[in-house]
Every structure is written in structure tokens, then in C-alpha cells.
């Protein structure tokens, strides 16, 4: 049996991502993928996502961020930094 390796990704999403329910949609999608961490708005208009889970599930979230997001959003860039430094979050939440 293969053990799932848990990874962490620090993600910055740029574009029209504030004021369009982007955080709520991201939370819903991350939870449906079984991921933990948080999403929050940054003062520069970007959204930051810190997520932990299996690398495959994180890739699915990144693909969703790039191609779908919230219906009213317009994502222009998604930057991802992978790390093995885990915080072992127990849920995925919106941070204000």
C-alpha cells in the first residue's frame, strides 16, 4: 500500500479576485478536495492561499483556480511555491 505524501503550496492569485466571492468559492472547492489551510485577501488586491494535502489534490485546486474560480472572477496569474514545511491545519477556512 502506498502512503500519500502531504505537501504544502503557497499560492498567490492575481486578477479580479476580490469582491467576487472568490474566497468562498475557493474554500468550497478546497474542502471538496479534502484540503486544509486558508484563503485570504491581500492589501494589494491579490488573494493568498496556503493549502496542505496530497499533491494531486493541490494540483486539481490550482487547475480550478486558473480555469474557473468564482463565476465573476478574472484570474490573470497563479503563482505557486511548493514546500514540505507543514502546519497540519485541521480545516480549510477563510481568514479576514
C-alpha atoms as a PDB file:
ATOM      1  CA  UNK A   1       0.000   0.000   0.000  1.00  0.00           C
ATOM      2  CA  UNK A   2       1.339   3.420  -0.940  1.00  0.00           C
ATOM      3  CA  UNK A   3       1.356   6.208   1.602  1.00  0.00           C
ATOM      4  CA  UNK A   4       0.037   9.580   0.443  1.00  0.00           C
ATOM      5  CA  UNK A   5       2.685  12.264   0.783  1.00  0.00           C
ATOM      6  CA  UNK A   6       1.277  15.511   2.131  1.00  0.00           C
ATOM      7  CA  UNK A   7       2.614  18.701   0.592  1.00  0.00           C
ATOM      8  CA  UNK A   8       2.076  22.391   1.145  1.00  0.00           C
ATOM      9  CA  UNK A   9       1.605  25.047  -1.508  1.00  0.00           C
ATOM     10  CA  UNK A  10       1.721  28.799  -1.021  1.00  0.00           C
ATOM     11  CA  UNK A  11      -0.410  30.258  -3.808  1.00  0.00           C
ATOM     12  CA  UNK A  12      -0.906  33.852  -4.935  1.00  0.00           C
ATOM     13  CA  UNK A  13      -3.817  34.517  -7.293  1.00  0.00           C
ATOM     14  CA  UNK A  14      -3.840  37.771  -9.287  1.00  0.00           C
ATOM     15  CA  UNK A  15      -6.547  39.485 -11.291  1.00  0.00           C
ATOM     16  CA  UNK A  16     -10.110  40.399 -10.417  1.00  0.00           C
ATOM     17  CA  UNK A  17     -10.298  38.169  -7.338  1.00  0.00           C
ATOM     18  CA  UNK A  18     -11.615  40.433  -4.584  1.00  0.00           C
ATOM     19  CA  UNK A  19     -15.255  41.406  -4.194  1.00  0.00           C
ATOM     20  CA  UNK A  20     -16.380  38.458  -6.363  1.00  0.00           C
ATOM     21  CA  UNK A  21     -16.842  35.739  -3.694  1.00  0.00           C
ATOM     22  CA  UNK A  22     -13.509  34.220  -4.695  1.00  0.00           C
ATOM     23  CA  UNK A  23     -12.587  33.212  -1.135  1.00  0.00           C
ATOM     24  CA  UNK A  24     -15.911  31.473  -0.508  1.00  0.00           C
ATOM     25  CA  UNK A  25     -15.713  29.536  -3.780  1.00  0.00           C
ATOM     26  CA  UNK A  26     -12.082  28.619  -3.064  1.00  0.00           C
ATOM     27  CA  UNK A  27     -12.995  27.366   0.408  1.00  0.00           C
ATOM     28  CA  UNK A  28     -15.787  25.231  -1.007  1.00  0.00           C
ATOM     29  CA  UNK A  29     -13.535  23.759  -3.717  1.00  0.00           C
ATOM     30  CA  UNK A  30     -10.619  23.094  -1.320  1.00  0.00           C
ATOM     31  CA  UNK A  31     -12.928  21.356   1.166  1.00  0.00           C
ATOM     32  CA  UNK A  32     -14.422  19.197  -1.610  1.00  0.00           C
ATOM     33  CA  UNK A  33     -10.879  18.093  -2.494  1.00  0.00           C
ATOM     34  CA  UNK A  34     -10.101  17.237   1.147  1.00  0.00           C
ATOM     35  CA  UNK A  35      -7.513  20.012   1.503  1.00  0.00           C
ATOM     36  CA  UNK A  36      -6.722  22.059   4.597  1.00  0.00           C
ATOM     37  CA  UNK A  37      -5.347  25.571   5.077  1.00  0.00           C
ATOM     38  CA  UNK A  38      -6.746  29.036   4.460  1.00  0.00           C
ATOM     39  CA  UNK A  39      -7.526  31.721   1.900  1.00  0.00           C
ATOM     40  CA  UNK A  40      -7.338  35.477   2.477  1.00  0.00           C
ATOM     41  CA  UNK A  41      -7.372  38.779   0.633  1.00  0.00           C
ATOM     42  CA  UNK A  42      -4.132  40.741   0.466  1.00  0.00           C
ATOM     43  CA  UNK A  43      -3.974  44.536   0.605  1.00  0.00           C
ATOM     44  CA  UNK A  44      -2.553  44.685  -2.934  1.00  0.00           C
ATOM     45  CA  UNK A  45      -5.708  43.147  -4.481  1.00  0.00           C
ATOM     46  CA  UNK A  46      -4.369  39.589  -4.743  1.00  0.00           C
ATOM     47  CA  UNK A  47      -5.600  36.519  -2.895  1.00  0.00           C
ATOM     48  CA  UNK A  48      -3.267  34.264  -0.890  1.00  0.00           C
ATOM     49  CA  UNK A  49      -3.983  30.578  -0.391  1.00  0.00           C
ATOM     50  CA  UNK A  50      -1.973  28.339   1.921  1.00  0.00           C
ATOM     51  CA  UNK A  51      -3.024  24.767   1.299  1.00  0.00           C
ATOM     52  CA  UNK A  52      -1.950  21.326   2.513  1.00  0.00           C
ATOM     53  CA  UNK A  53      -2.899  17.920   1.196  1.00  0.00           C
ATOM     54  CA  UNK A  54      -1.937  15.386  -1.420  1.00  0.00           C
ATOM     55  CA  UNK A  55      -0.016  16.864  -4.331  1.00  0.00           C
ATOM     56  CA  UNK A  56      -2.598  15.567  -6.814  1.00  0.00           C
ATOM     57  CA  UNK A  57      -5.466  17.260  -4.958  1.00  0.00           C
ATOM     58  CA  UNK A  58      -3.482  20.514  -4.732  1.00  0.00           C
ATOM     59  CA  UNK A  59      -2.837  20.345  -8.496  1.00  0.00           C
ATOM     60  CA  UNK A  60      -6.594  19.979  -9.024  1.00  0.00           C
ATOM     61  CA  UNK A  61      -7.182  23.105  -6.913  1.00  0.00           C
ATOM     62  CA  UNK A  62      -4.539  25.041  -8.880  1.00  0.00           C
ATOM     63  CA  UNK A  63      -6.149  23.964 -12.166  1.00  0.00           C
ATOM     64  CA  UNK A  64      -9.533  25.113 -10.833  1.00  0.00           C
ATOM     65  CA  UNK A  65      -8.054  28.462  -9.709  1.00  0.00           C
ATOM     66  CA  UNK A  66      -6.576  29.055 -13.170  1.00  0.00           C
ATOM     67  CA  UNK A  67      -9.562  27.930 -15.224  1.00  0.00           C
ATOM     68  CA  UNK A  68     -12.685  28.556 -13.145  1.00  0.00           C
ATOM     69  CA  UNK A  69     -12.516  30.339  -9.781  1.00  0.00           C
ATOM     70  CA  UNK A  70     -15.681  32.159  -8.820  1.00  0.00           C
ATOM     71  CA  UNK A  71     -18.063  32.960 -11.696  1.00  0.00           C
ATOM     72  CA  UNK A  72     -17.392  36.722 -11.509  1.00  0.00           C
ATOM     73  CA  UNK A  73     -13.602  36.469 -11.128  1.00  0.00           C
ATOM     74  CA  UNK A  74     -10.998  37.057 -13.823  1.00  0.00           C
ATOM     75  CA  UNK A  75      -7.740  35.342 -12.863  1.00  0.00           C
ATOM     76  CA  UNK A  76      -4.684  36.657 -14.713  1.00  0.00           C
ATOM     77  CA  UNK A  77      -1.924  34.756 -12.879  1.00  0.00           C
ATOM     78  CA  UNK A  78      -1.462  31.962 -10.334  1.00  0.00           C
ATOM     79  CA  UNK A  79       1.930  31.691  -8.632  1.00  0.00           C
ATOM     80  CA  UNK A  80       2.753  28.550  -6.649  1.00  0.00           C
ATOM     81  CA  UNK A  81       5.600  27.803  -4.263  1.00  0.00           C
ATOM     82  CA  UNK A  82       5.803  24.192  -3.051  1.00  0.00           C
ATOM     83  CA  UNK A  83       7.217  23.302   0.355  1.00  0.00           C
ATOM     84  CA  UNK A  84       7.403  20.360   2.710  1.00  0.00           C
ATOM     85  CA  UNK A  85       7.042  22.593   5.807  1.00  0.00           C
ATOM     86  CA  UNK A  86       3.632  21.620   7.139  1.00  0.00           C
ATOM     87  CA  UNK A  87       1.445  23.310   9.741  1.00  0.00           C
ATOM     88  CA  UNK A  88      -1.062  20.413   9.817  1.00  0.00           C
ATOM     89  CA  UNK A  89      -4.211  22.530   9.575  1.00  0.00           C
ATOM     90  CA  UNK A  90      -7.378  20.703  10.606  1.00  0.00           C
ATOM     91  CA  UNK A  91      -9.758  22.507   8.219  1.00  0.00           C
ATOM     92  CA  UNK A  92      -9.853  24.957   5.331  1.00  0.00           C
ATOM     93  CA  UNK A  93     -11.099  28.415   6.251  1.00  0.00           C
ATOM     94  CA  UNK A  94     -11.436  31.973   5.087  1.00  0.00           C
ATOM     95  CA  UNK A  95      -9.211  34.385   7.024  1.00  0.00           C
ATOM     96  CA  UNK A  96     -10.291  38.015   7.342  1.00  0.00           C
END
